[in-house]
């Protein structure tokens, strides 16, 4: 059931990102049309000469908010891609440290400290990535925006990531890696380091 859940999330994630930006653009457009209707009812009848400047102002406003929405989505995808890569690297370093300790008995404090340091680093990387995954794609407001992933998907991923980090088995991070690669693939088409 878990694999089916993440397969559907990873398949729908690119369309979720696109849908959030499109719906925000439509909502902004509806708001601008409402403002235009209000201005038309109040002022254009009394001052018909200002109609052209009002229409141009509203068109520029629509272009600006549309650009801002899509730029936000690209920035979030770029940052998420970077943070997923960092977490994957930290998990690989941790797995290497676990594999080095596995065949031989623990020989004192040094090797445990090394693995503990790698675990702390991987946990910090997860904390940074979790912030990205909770961030809304289309607006800065949690109440009105669509988060990158749903809370249930984030909780499921967190269980896999932290479970893999906290165990001594170097292969324990494999389920989390598959999910993280799905997120990488969803963000790959929207990377824009200059956004």
N, C-alpha and C. Protein backbone atom coordinates (compact mmCIF):
# COMPACT_ATOMS: atom_id res chain seq x y z
N UNK A 1 0.82 -1.20 0.00
CA UNK A 1 0.00 0.00 0.00
C UNK A 1 0.86 1.26 0.00
N UNK A 2 1.97 1.25 0.77
CA UNK A 2 2.85 2.41 0.82
C UNK A 2 3.45 2.73 -0.54
N UNK A 3 3.91 1.68 -1.25
CA UNK A 3 4.50 1.92 -2.57
C UNK A 3 3.46 2.51 -3.52
N UNK A 4 2.23 2.01 -3.46
CA UNK A 4 1.18 2.54 -4.32
C UNK A 4 0.89 3.99 -4.01
N UNK A 5 0.93 4.32 -2.71
CA UNK A 5 0.70 5.70 -2.30
C UNK A 5 1.75 6.62 -2.89
N UNK A 6 3.04 6.24 -2.75
CA UNK A 6 4.09 7.11 -3.25
C UNK A 6 4.17 7.11 -4.76
N UNK A 7 3.79 6.01 -5.40
CA UNK A 7 3.76 6.02 -6.87
C UNK A 7 2.73 7.03 -7.36
N UNK A 8 1.58 7.07 -6.72
CA UNK A 8 0.56 8.03 -7.15
C UNK A 8 0.99 9.46 -6.84
N UNK A 9 1.65 9.67 -5.69
CA UNK A 9 2.15 11.01 -5.36
C UNK A 9 3.19 11.45 -6.38
N UNK A 10 4.13 10.57 -6.70
CA UNK A 10 5.20 10.95 -7.63
C UNK A 10 4.66 11.16 -9.04
N UNK A 11 3.62 10.43 -9.42
CA UNK A 11 3.02 10.63 -10.74
C UNK A 11 2.25 11.94 -10.80
N UNK A 12 1.61 12.30 -9.70
CA UNK A 12 0.77 13.50 -9.70
C UNK A 12 1.52 14.77 -9.33
N UNK A 13 2.72 14.66 -8.80
CA UNK A 13 3.44 15.84 -8.32
C UNK A 13 3.70 16.88 -9.41
N UNK A 14 4.17 16.51 -10.61
CA UNK A 14 4.35 17.55 -11.64
C UNK A 14 3.05 18.27 -11.99
N UNK A 15 1.95 17.54 -12.07
CA UNK A 15 0.68 18.20 -12.39
C UNK A 15 0.18 19.02 -11.19
N UNK A 16 0.53 18.61 -9.97
CA UNK A 16 0.15 19.38 -8.79
C UNK A 16 0.84 20.75 -8.82
N UNK A 17 2.10 20.76 -9.17
CA UNK A 17 2.85 22.01 -9.24
C UNK A 17 2.25 22.92 -10.33
N UNK A 18 2.01 22.35 -11.49
CA UNK A 18 1.43 23.11 -12.61
C UNK A 18 0.03 23.61 -12.25
N UNK A 19 -0.78 22.75 -11.66
CA UNK A 19 -2.16 23.11 -11.29
C UNK A 19 -2.18 24.25 -10.28
N UNK A 20 -1.27 24.22 -9.30
CA UNK A 20 -1.23 25.29 -8.30
C UNK A 20 -0.95 26.64 -8.95
N UNK A 21 0.00 26.67 -9.87
CA UNK A 21 0.33 27.93 -10.54
C UNK A 21 -0.82 28.40 -11.44
N UNK A 22 -1.45 27.48 -12.15
CA UNK A 22 -2.56 27.86 -13.04
C UNK A 22 -3.75 28.36 -12.23
N UNK A 23 -4.11 27.66 -11.16
CA UNK A 23 -5.25 28.08 -10.35
C UNK A 23 -4.99 29.43 -9.68
N UNK A 24 -3.75 29.66 -9.23
CA UNK A 24 -3.44 30.96 -8.63
C UNK A 24 -3.55 32.06 -9.68
N UNK A 25 -3.11 31.78 -10.90
CA UNK A 25 -3.22 32.76 -11.97
C UNK A 25 -4.69 33.07 -12.27
N UNK A 26 -5.52 32.04 -12.32
CA UNK A 26 -6.95 32.24 -12.56
C UNK A 26 -7.60 33.02 -11.42
N UNK A 27 -7.21 32.71 -10.18
CA UNK A 27 -7.76 33.44 -9.04
C UNK A 27 -7.34 34.91 -9.07
N UNK A 28 -6.08 35.15 -9.41
CA UNK A 28 -5.63 36.54 -9.54
C UNK A 28 -6.37 37.25 -10.66
N UNK A 29 -6.58 36.56 -11.78
CA UNK A 29 -7.32 37.13 -12.90
C UNK A 29 -8.75 37.47 -12.50
N UNK A 30 -9.38 36.57 -11.75
CA UNK A 30 -10.75 36.84 -11.30
C UNK A 30 -10.79 38.05 -10.38
N UNK A 31 -9.79 38.18 -9.52
CA UNK A 31 -9.72 39.35 -8.65
C UNK A 31 -9.54 40.64 -9.43
N UNK A 32 -8.72 40.60 -10.45
CA UNK A 32 -8.50 41.80 -11.27
C UNK A 32 -9.75 42.14 -12.06
N UNK A 33 -10.46 41.13 -12.56
CA UNK A 33 -11.73 41.39 -13.26
C UNK A 33 -12.74 42.00 -12.30
N UNK A 34 -12.78 41.53 -11.05
CA UNK A 34 -13.69 42.11 -10.06
C UNK A 34 -13.36 43.57 -9.79
N UNK A 35 -12.06 43.87 -9.68
CA UNK A 35 -11.65 45.27 -9.50
C UNK A 35 -12.05 46.10 -10.72
N UNK A 36 -11.87 45.54 -11.92
CA UNK A 36 -12.25 46.26 -13.14
C UNK A 36 -13.75 46.52 -13.17
N UNK A 37 -14.55 45.54 -12.77
CA UNK A 37 -16.00 45.72 -12.76
C UNK A 37 -16.40 46.81 -11.76
N UNK A 38 -15.74 46.80 -10.59
CA UNK A 38 -16.02 47.82 -9.59
C UNK A 38 -15.66 49.21 -10.13
N UNK A 39 -14.47 49.33 -10.71
CA UNK A 39 -14.05 50.62 -11.25
C UNK A 39 -14.94 51.07 -12.39
N UNK A 40 -15.37 50.13 -13.20
CA UNK A 40 -16.26 50.45 -14.32
C UNK A 40 -17.58 51.01 -13.80
N UNK A 41 -18.12 50.36 -12.79
CA UNK A 41 -19.41 50.81 -12.26
C UNK A 41 -19.31 52.16 -11.57
N UNK A 42 -18.19 52.44 -10.94
CA UNK A 42 -18.05 53.67 -10.17
C UNK A 42 -17.54 54.87 -10.96
N UNK A 43 -16.49 54.64 -11.77
CA UNK A 43 -15.77 55.79 -12.30
C UNK A 43 -15.82 55.95 -13.81
N UNK A 44 -15.91 54.88 -14.55
CA UNK A 44 -15.81 54.99 -16.00
C UNK A 44 -17.00 55.72 -16.59
N UNK A 45 -18.17 55.55 -15.99
CA UNK A 45 -19.36 56.26 -16.48
C UNK A 45 -19.17 57.77 -16.31
N UNK A 46 -18.63 58.17 -15.16
CA UNK A 46 -18.41 59.59 -14.89
C UNK A 46 -17.18 60.13 -15.60
N UNK A 47 -16.15 59.30 -15.78
CA UNK A 47 -14.89 59.72 -16.40
C UNK A 47 -14.49 58.74 -17.49
N UNK A 48 -15.09 58.78 -18.66
CA UNK A 48 -14.79 57.79 -19.71
C UNK A 48 -13.36 57.87 -20.25
N UNK A 49 -12.70 58.99 -20.11
CA UNK A 49 -11.34 59.13 -20.64
C UNK A 49 -10.33 58.25 -19.90
N UNK A 50 -10.62 57.92 -18.67
CA UNK A 50 -9.66 57.12 -17.89
C UNK A 50 -9.80 55.62 -18.16
N UNK A 51 -10.69 55.22 -19.03
CA UNK A 51 -10.90 53.80 -19.32
C UNK A 51 -9.64 53.13 -19.87
N UNK A 52 -8.96 53.76 -20.80
CA UNK A 52 -7.78 53.16 -21.42
C UNK A 52 -6.66 52.99 -20.40
N UNK A 53 -6.40 54.00 -19.61
CA UNK A 53 -5.32 53.88 -18.61
C UNK A 53 -5.68 52.85 -17.53
N UNK A 54 -6.95 52.75 -17.19
CA UNK A 54 -7.37 51.75 -16.21
C UNK A 54 -7.18 50.35 -16.75
N UNK A 55 -7.57 50.11 -17.98
CA UNK A 55 -7.43 48.79 -18.60
C UNK A 55 -5.95 48.43 -18.71
N UNK A 56 -5.12 49.36 -19.15
CA UNK A 56 -3.68 49.08 -19.26
C UNK A 56 -3.06 48.78 -17.90
N UNK A 57 -3.44 49.52 -16.88
CA UNK A 57 -2.93 49.29 -15.54
C UNK A 57 -3.31 47.89 -15.04
N UNK A 58 -4.55 47.50 -15.27
CA UNK A 58 -4.99 46.18 -14.83
C UNK A 58 -4.32 45.06 -15.63
N UNK A 59 -4.06 45.29 -16.91
CA UNK A 59 -3.36 44.28 -17.71
C UNK A 59 -1.92 44.11 -17.23
N UNK A 60 -1.26 45.21 -16.92
CA UNK A 60 0.10 45.14 -16.39
C UNK A 60 0.09 44.43 -15.03
N UNK A 61 -0.89 44.73 -14.20
CA UNK A 61 -1.00 44.08 -12.89
C UNK A 61 -1.18 42.57 -13.06
N UNK A 62 -1.98 42.16 -14.03
CA UNK A 62 -2.19 40.73 -14.28
C UNK A 62 -0.89 40.08 -14.74
N UNK A 63 -0.15 40.75 -15.61
CA UNK A 63 1.12 40.20 -16.08
C UNK A 63 2.12 40.06 -14.93
N UNK A 64 2.15 41.04 -14.05
CA UNK A 64 3.08 41.01 -12.92
C UNK A 64 2.74 39.88 -11.95
N UNK A 65 1.47 39.75 -11.59
CA UNK A 65 1.13 38.70 -10.62
C UNK A 65 1.28 37.31 -11.24
N UNK A 66 1.05 37.17 -12.53
CA UNK A 66 1.26 35.88 -13.19
C UNK A 66 2.74 35.52 -13.18
N UNK A 67 3.58 36.49 -13.53
CA UNK A 67 5.03 36.25 -13.51
C UNK A 67 5.49 35.88 -12.11
N UNK A 68 4.99 36.58 -11.10
CA UNK A 68 5.40 36.31 -9.72
C UNK A 68 4.98 34.91 -9.29
N UNK A 69 3.81 34.47 -9.68
CA UNK A 69 3.34 33.13 -9.32
C UNK A 69 4.23 32.05 -9.92
N UNK A 70 4.51 32.18 -11.22
CA UNK A 70 5.34 31.16 -11.87
C UNK A 70 6.80 31.23 -11.40
N UNK A 71 7.29 32.43 -11.09
CA UNK A 71 8.64 32.56 -10.56
C UNK A 71 8.74 31.89 -9.18
N UNK A 72 7.70 32.04 -8.38
CA UNK A 72 7.69 31.40 -7.06
C UNK A 72 7.73 29.88 -7.20
N UNK A 73 6.95 29.34 -8.13
CA UNK A 73 6.95 27.88 -8.35
C UNK A 73 8.32 27.40 -8.81
N UNK A 74 8.95 28.15 -9.71
CA UNK A 74 10.28 27.76 -10.17
C UNK A 74 11.32 27.85 -9.05
N UNK A 75 11.25 28.89 -8.24
CA UNK A 75 12.19 29.03 -7.11
C UNK A 75 12.02 27.89 -6.13
N UNK A 76 10.78 27.56 -5.81
CA UNK A 76 10.54 26.47 -4.86
C UNK A 76 11.03 25.14 -5.42
N UNK A 77 10.78 24.88 -6.69
CA UNK A 77 11.25 23.63 -7.30
C UNK A 77 12.78 23.58 -7.31
N UNK A 78 13.42 24.69 -7.61
CA UNK A 78 14.88 24.73 -7.63
C UNK A 78 15.44 24.48 -6.24
N UNK A 79 14.89 25.16 -5.24
CA UNK A 79 15.37 24.99 -3.87
C UNK A 79 15.11 23.57 -3.37
N UNK A 80 13.96 23.02 -3.70
CA UNK A 80 13.63 21.65 -3.29
C UNK A 80 14.59 20.66 -3.94
N UNK A 81 14.89 20.87 -5.22
CA UNK A 81 15.82 19.99 -5.93
C UNK A 81 17.19 20.01 -5.25
N UNK A 82 17.67 21.20 -4.91
CA UNK A 82 18.97 21.34 -4.24
C UNK A 82 18.96 20.64 -2.88
N UNK A 83 17.90 20.84 -2.12
CA UNK A 83 17.83 20.26 -0.78
C UNK A 83 17.66 18.74 -0.81
N UNK A 84 16.94 18.22 -1.81
CA UNK A 84 16.84 16.76 -1.96
C UNK A 84 18.21 16.18 -2.30
N UNK A 85 18.93 16.84 -3.20
CA UNK A 85 20.28 16.35 -3.54
C UNK A 85 21.19 16.36 -2.31
N UNK A 86 21.12 17.40 -1.50
CA UNK A 86 21.93 17.46 -0.29
C UNK A 86 21.58 16.33 0.68
N UNK A 87 20.28 16.07 0.84
CA UNK A 87 19.87 14.99 1.73
C UNK A 87 20.34 13.64 1.19
N UNK A 88 20.21 13.44 -0.12
CA UNK A 88 20.68 12.17 -0.69
C UNK A 88 22.17 11.98 -0.49
N UNK A 89 22.95 13.03 -0.65
CA UNK A 89 24.41 12.95 -0.42
C UNK A 89 24.71 12.64 1.04
N UNK A 90 24.01 13.32 1.95
CA UNK A 90 24.24 13.08 3.37
C UNK A 90 23.84 11.67 3.76
N UNK A 91 22.76 11.16 3.16
CA UNK A 91 22.36 9.78 3.44
C UNK A 91 23.37 8.79 2.89
N UNK A 92 23.95 9.10 1.72
CA UNK A 92 24.98 8.22 1.15
C UNK A 92 26.22 8.21 2.05
N UNK A 93 26.62 9.38 2.56
CA UNK A 93 27.75 9.44 3.49
C UNK A 93 27.46 8.65 4.75
N UNK A 94 26.25 8.76 5.25
CA UNK A 94 25.86 8.02 6.44
C UNK A 94 25.87 6.52 6.17
N UNK A 95 25.35 6.11 5.02
CA UNK A 95 25.36 4.68 4.66
C UNK A 95 26.78 4.15 4.55
N UNK A 96 27.69 4.96 4.00
CA UNK A 96 29.10 4.54 3.93
C UNK A 96 29.68 4.37 5.33
N UNK A 97 29.35 5.29 6.22
CA UNK A 97 29.85 5.19 7.60
C UNK A 97 29.28 3.95 8.29
N UNK A 98 28.01 3.66 8.03
CA UNK A 98 27.39 2.46 8.61
C UNK A 98 28.04 1.20 8.05
N UNK A 99 28.32 1.19 6.75
CA UNK A 99 28.93 0.01 6.11
C UNK A 99 30.35 -0.22 6.62
N UNK A 100 31.09 0.85 6.89
CA UNK A 100 32.45 0.70 7.41
C UNK A 100 32.45 0.11 8.80
N UNK A 101 31.44 0.43 9.59
CA UNK A 101 31.38 -0.08 10.95
C UNK A 101 30.81 -1.48 11.01
N UNK A 102 30.06 -1.88 10.04
CA UNK A 102 29.33 -3.14 10.07
C UNK A 102 30.23 -4.38 10.17
N UNK A 103 31.23 -4.57 9.31
CA UNK A 103 31.97 -5.83 9.36
C UNK A 103 32.85 -5.99 10.59
N UNK A 104 33.33 -4.90 11.13
CA UNK A 104 34.25 -5.03 12.26
C UNK A 104 33.54 -4.59 13.54
N UNK A 105 33.94 -5.10 14.66
CA UNK A 105 33.32 -4.67 15.91
C UNK A 105 33.67 -3.22 16.20
N UNK A 106 32.86 -2.61 16.95
CA UNK A 106 33.10 -1.20 17.27
C UNK A 106 34.36 -1.07 18.11
N UNK A 107 35.23 -0.20 17.65
CA UNK A 107 36.56 -0.11 18.27
C UNK A 107 36.71 1.17 19.07
N UNK A 108 35.72 1.53 19.80
CA UNK A 108 35.87 2.70 20.64
C UNK A 108 34.96 3.83 20.22
N UNK A 109 35.22 4.96 20.77
CA UNK A 109 34.35 6.12 20.61
C UNK A 109 34.43 6.75 19.22
N UNK A 110 35.56 6.69 18.54
CA UNK A 110 35.77 7.40 17.29
C UNK A 110 34.79 7.03 16.19
N UNK A 111 34.59 5.76 15.96
CA UNK A 111 33.70 5.36 14.87
C UNK A 111 32.25 5.68 15.18
N UNK A 112 31.84 5.53 16.44
CA UNK A 112 30.47 5.88 16.82
C UNK A 112 30.24 7.38 16.66
N UNK A 113 31.23 8.16 17.01
CA UNK A 113 31.12 9.61 16.88
C UNK A 113 30.98 10.02 15.41
N UNK A 114 31.71 9.34 14.54
CA UNK A 114 31.65 9.65 13.12
C UNK A 114 30.25 9.37 12.58
N UNK A 115 29.71 8.22 12.94
CA UNK A 115 28.37 7.88 12.48
C UNK A 115 27.33 8.83 13.08
N UNK A 116 27.50 9.17 14.34
CA UNK A 116 26.56 10.09 14.99
C UNK A 116 26.60 11.47 14.33
N UNK A 117 27.79 11.91 13.95
CA UNK A 117 27.91 13.20 13.26
C UNK A 117 27.22 13.15 11.90
N UNK A 118 27.38 12.04 11.19
CA UNK A 118 26.71 11.88 9.88
C UNK A 118 25.19 11.83 10.05
N UNK A 119 24.73 11.21 11.13
CA UNK A 119 23.30 11.17 11.39
C UNK A 119 22.75 12.56 11.66
N UNK A 120 23.48 13.34 12.45
CA UNK A 120 23.05 14.72 12.74
C UNK A 120 23.00 15.54 11.46
N UNK A 121 24.00 15.36 10.60
CA UNK A 121 24.04 16.10 9.33
C UNK A 121 22.85 15.71 8.45
N UNK A 122 22.55 14.43 8.37
CA UNK A 122 21.42 13.97 7.56
C UNK A 122 20.10 14.48 8.14
N UNK A 123 19.98 14.51 9.46
CA UNK A 123 18.75 15.04 10.08
C UNK A 123 18.59 16.53 9.78
N UNK A 124 19.69 17.27 9.82
CA UNK A 124 19.61 18.70 9.48
C UNK A 124 19.17 18.89 8.03
N UNK A 125 19.71 18.06 7.15
CA UNK A 125 19.30 18.15 5.74
C UNK A 125 17.82 17.83 5.58
N UNK A 126 17.34 16.86 6.34
CA UNK A 126 15.91 16.54 6.28
C UNK A 126 15.08 17.72 6.78
N UNK A 127 15.51 18.36 7.87
CA UNK A 127 14.77 19.50 8.41
C UNK A 127 14.64 20.62 7.37
N UNK A 128 15.71 20.87 6.63
CA UNK A 128 15.68 21.91 5.59
C UNK A 128 14.73 21.49 4.46
N UNK A 129 14.81 20.25 4.04
CA UNK A 129 13.93 19.76 2.96
C UNK A 129 12.47 19.77 3.40
N UNK A 130 12.21 19.43 4.64
CA UNK A 130 10.83 19.41 5.12
C UNK A 130 10.20 20.80 5.04
N UNK A 131 10.98 21.82 5.31
CA UNK A 131 10.46 23.19 5.16
C UNK A 131 10.05 23.45 3.71
N UNK A 132 10.85 22.99 2.76
CA UNK A 132 10.50 23.17 1.34
C UNK A 132 9.21 22.44 1.02
N UNK A 133 9.06 21.23 1.51
CA UNK A 133 7.90 20.41 1.18
C UNK A 133 6.62 20.96 1.80
N UNK A 134 6.74 21.70 2.90
CA UNK A 134 5.58 22.32 3.54
C UNK A 134 5.24 23.68 2.93
N UNK A 135 6.15 24.25 2.18
CA UNK A 135 5.96 25.58 1.61
C UNK A 135 4.91 25.54 0.50
N UNK A 136 4.11 26.59 0.43
CA UNK A 136 3.09 26.65 -0.61
C UNK A 136 3.72 27.00 -1.95
N UNK A 137 3.20 26.38 -2.99
CA UNK A 137 3.75 26.55 -4.33
C UNK A 137 3.38 27.90 -4.91
N UNK A 138 2.15 28.30 -4.72
CA UNK A 138 1.60 29.41 -5.49
C UNK A 138 1.51 30.74 -4.75
N UNK A 139 1.55 30.74 -3.44
CA UNK A 139 1.46 32.00 -2.70
C UNK A 139 2.22 31.84 -1.39
N UNK A 140 2.44 32.94 -0.73
CA UNK A 140 3.15 32.90 0.54
C UNK A 140 2.23 32.64 1.72
N UNK A 141 0.96 32.41 1.46
CA UNK A 141 -0.03 32.24 2.52
C UNK A 141 -0.48 30.79 2.60
N UNK A 142 -0.23 30.16 3.73
CA UNK A 142 -0.58 28.75 3.91
C UNK A 142 -2.09 28.54 3.78
N UNK A 143 -2.88 29.50 4.22
CA UNK A 143 -4.33 29.36 4.19
C UNK A 143 -4.87 29.32 2.76
N UNK A 144 -4.25 30.10 1.86
CA UNK A 144 -4.76 30.21 0.49
C UNK A 144 -3.93 29.47 -0.54
N UNK A 145 -2.78 28.94 -0.14
CA UNK A 145 -1.89 28.30 -1.10
C UNK A 145 -1.94 26.79 -1.03
N UNK A 146 -1.36 26.17 -2.05
CA UNK A 146 -1.27 24.71 -2.11
C UNK A 146 0.15 24.31 -1.73
N UNK A 147 0.30 23.52 -0.64
CA UNK A 147 1.65 23.11 -0.26
C UNK A 147 2.26 22.16 -1.29
N UNK A 148 3.59 22.11 -1.31
CA UNK A 148 4.29 21.28 -2.28
C UNK A 148 3.83 19.83 -2.18
N UNK A 149 3.76 19.29 -0.97
CA UNK A 149 3.22 17.94 -0.73
C UNK A 149 2.16 18.03 0.36
N UNK A 150 1.26 17.08 0.36
CA UNK A 150 0.26 17.03 1.42
C UNK A 150 0.92 16.64 2.73
N UNK A 151 0.25 16.94 3.83
CA UNK A 151 0.80 16.62 5.15
C UNK A 151 1.00 15.12 5.31
N UNK A 152 0.08 14.31 4.79
CA UNK A 152 0.22 12.86 4.93
C UNK A 152 1.42 12.34 4.13
N UNK A 153 1.67 12.90 2.96
CA UNK A 153 2.83 12.48 2.17
C UNK A 153 4.13 12.89 2.87
N UNK A 154 4.15 14.07 3.46
CA UNK A 154 5.34 14.52 4.19
C UNK A 154 5.59 13.63 5.41
N UNK A 155 4.52 13.29 6.14
CA UNK A 155 4.67 12.43 7.31
C UNK A 155 5.19 11.05 6.91
N UNK A 156 4.67 10.51 5.81
CA UNK A 156 5.11 9.20 5.33
C UNK A 156 6.59 9.25 4.94
N UNK A 157 6.97 10.29 4.21
CA UNK A 157 8.38 10.43 3.81
C UNK A 157 9.28 10.63 5.03
N UNK A 158 8.81 11.40 5.99
CA UNK A 158 9.61 11.63 7.20
C UNK A 158 9.87 10.33 7.96
N UNK A 159 8.85 9.48 8.06
CA UNK A 159 9.04 8.18 8.72
C UNK A 159 10.11 7.36 8.01
N UNK A 160 10.08 7.38 6.68
CA UNK A 160 11.07 6.60 5.92
C UNK A 160 12.47 7.17 6.07
N UNK A 161 12.58 8.49 5.96
CA UNK A 161 13.90 9.13 6.02
C UNK A 161 14.50 8.97 7.41
N UNK A 162 13.75 9.33 8.44
CA UNK A 162 14.30 9.24 9.80
C UNK A 162 14.51 7.80 10.24
N UNK A 163 13.65 6.90 9.76
CA UNK A 163 13.86 5.48 10.05
C UNK A 163 15.15 4.98 9.45
N UNK A 164 15.45 5.40 8.22
CA UNK A 164 16.70 5.01 7.58
C UNK A 164 17.91 5.64 8.22
N UNK A 165 17.77 6.86 8.71
CA UNK A 165 18.89 7.55 9.35
C UNK A 165 19.21 6.94 10.70
N UNK A 166 18.19 6.57 11.46
CA UNK A 166 18.40 6.14 12.84
C UNK A 166 18.82 4.69 13.01
N UNK A 167 18.68 3.87 11.97
CA UNK A 167 19.07 2.46 12.12
C UNK A 167 20.53 2.28 11.73
N UNK A 168 21.08 1.13 12.11
CA UNK A 168 22.47 0.82 11.77
C UNK A 168 22.60 0.10 10.44
N UNK A 169 21.49 -0.21 9.82
CA UNK A 169 21.50 -0.93 8.54
C UNK A 169 21.77 0.05 7.40
N UNK A 170 22.84 -0.14 6.62
CA UNK A 170 23.13 0.80 5.54
C UNK A 170 22.11 0.75 4.40
N UNK A 171 21.30 -0.31 4.33
CA UNK A 171 20.30 -0.41 3.27
C UNK A 171 18.94 0.15 3.68
N UNK A 172 18.82 0.65 4.90
CA UNK A 172 17.53 1.11 5.43
C UNK A 172 17.04 2.39 4.76
N UNK A 173 17.92 3.12 4.12
CA UNK A 173 17.51 4.38 3.50
C UNK A 173 16.97 4.19 2.08
N UNK A 174 16.99 2.98 1.58
CA UNK A 174 16.59 2.73 0.19
C UNK A 174 15.14 3.14 -0.12
N UNK A 175 14.15 2.81 0.74
CA UNK A 175 12.78 3.26 0.43
C UNK A 175 12.66 4.78 0.36
N UNK A 176 13.35 5.47 1.25
CA UNK A 176 13.30 6.93 1.23
C UNK A 176 13.98 7.48 -0.02
N UNK A 177 15.05 6.84 -0.45
CA UNK A 177 15.76 7.29 -1.65
C UNK A 177 14.86 7.25 -2.88
N UNK A 178 14.06 6.20 -3.01
CA UNK A 178 13.16 6.09 -4.16
C UNK A 178 12.18 7.26 -4.18
N UNK A 179 11.63 7.60 -3.01
CA UNK A 179 10.69 8.71 -2.93
C UNK A 179 11.37 10.05 -3.20
N UNK A 180 12.58 10.20 -2.70
CA UNK A 180 13.32 11.44 -2.93
C UNK A 180 13.67 11.61 -4.41
N UNK A 181 13.98 10.50 -5.09
CA UNK A 181 14.24 10.59 -6.53
C UNK A 181 12.98 10.96 -7.30
N UNK A 182 11.82 10.54 -6.83
CA UNK A 182 10.56 10.94 -7.46
C UNK A 182 10.36 12.46 -7.35
N UNK A 183 10.72 13.01 -6.20
CA UNK A 183 10.62 14.47 -6.02
C UNK A 183 11.63 15.17 -6.93
N UNK A 184 12.84 14.64 -7.03
CA UNK A 184 13.84 15.21 -7.94
C UNK A 184 13.32 15.26 -9.37
N UNK A 185 12.72 14.16 -9.81
CA UNK A 185 12.21 14.10 -11.18
C UNK A 185 11.09 15.11 -11.40
N UNK A 186 10.24 15.30 -10.41
CA UNK A 186 9.14 16.27 -10.54
C UNK A 186 9.66 17.71 -10.63
N UNK A 187 10.75 17.98 -9.93
CA UNK A 187 11.30 19.35 -9.91
C UNK A 187 12.24 19.62 -11.08
N UNK A 188 12.75 18.58 -11.71
CA UNK A 188 13.80 18.75 -12.73
C UNK A 188 13.37 19.66 -13.87
N UNK A 189 12.13 19.58 -14.30
CA UNK A 189 11.69 20.38 -15.44
C UNK A 189 11.50 21.84 -15.10
N UNK A 190 11.48 22.17 -13.82
CA UNK A 190 11.20 23.56 -13.39
C UNK A 190 12.39 24.22 -12.71
N UNK A 191 13.58 23.70 -12.91
CA UNK A 191 14.75 24.29 -12.28
C UNK A 191 15.11 25.59 -12.98
N UNK A 192 15.29 26.61 -12.18
CA UNK A 192 15.67 27.93 -12.69
C UNK A 192 16.51 28.61 -11.61
N UNK A 193 17.82 28.48 -11.70
CA UNK A 193 18.68 29.02 -10.64
C UNK A 193 18.69 30.55 -10.63
N UNK A 194 18.19 31.18 -11.67
CA UNK A 194 18.18 32.65 -11.73
C UNK A 194 16.81 33.22 -11.39
N UNK A 195 15.85 32.39 -11.06
CA UNK A 195 14.50 32.88 -10.76
C UNK A 195 14.47 33.68 -9.47
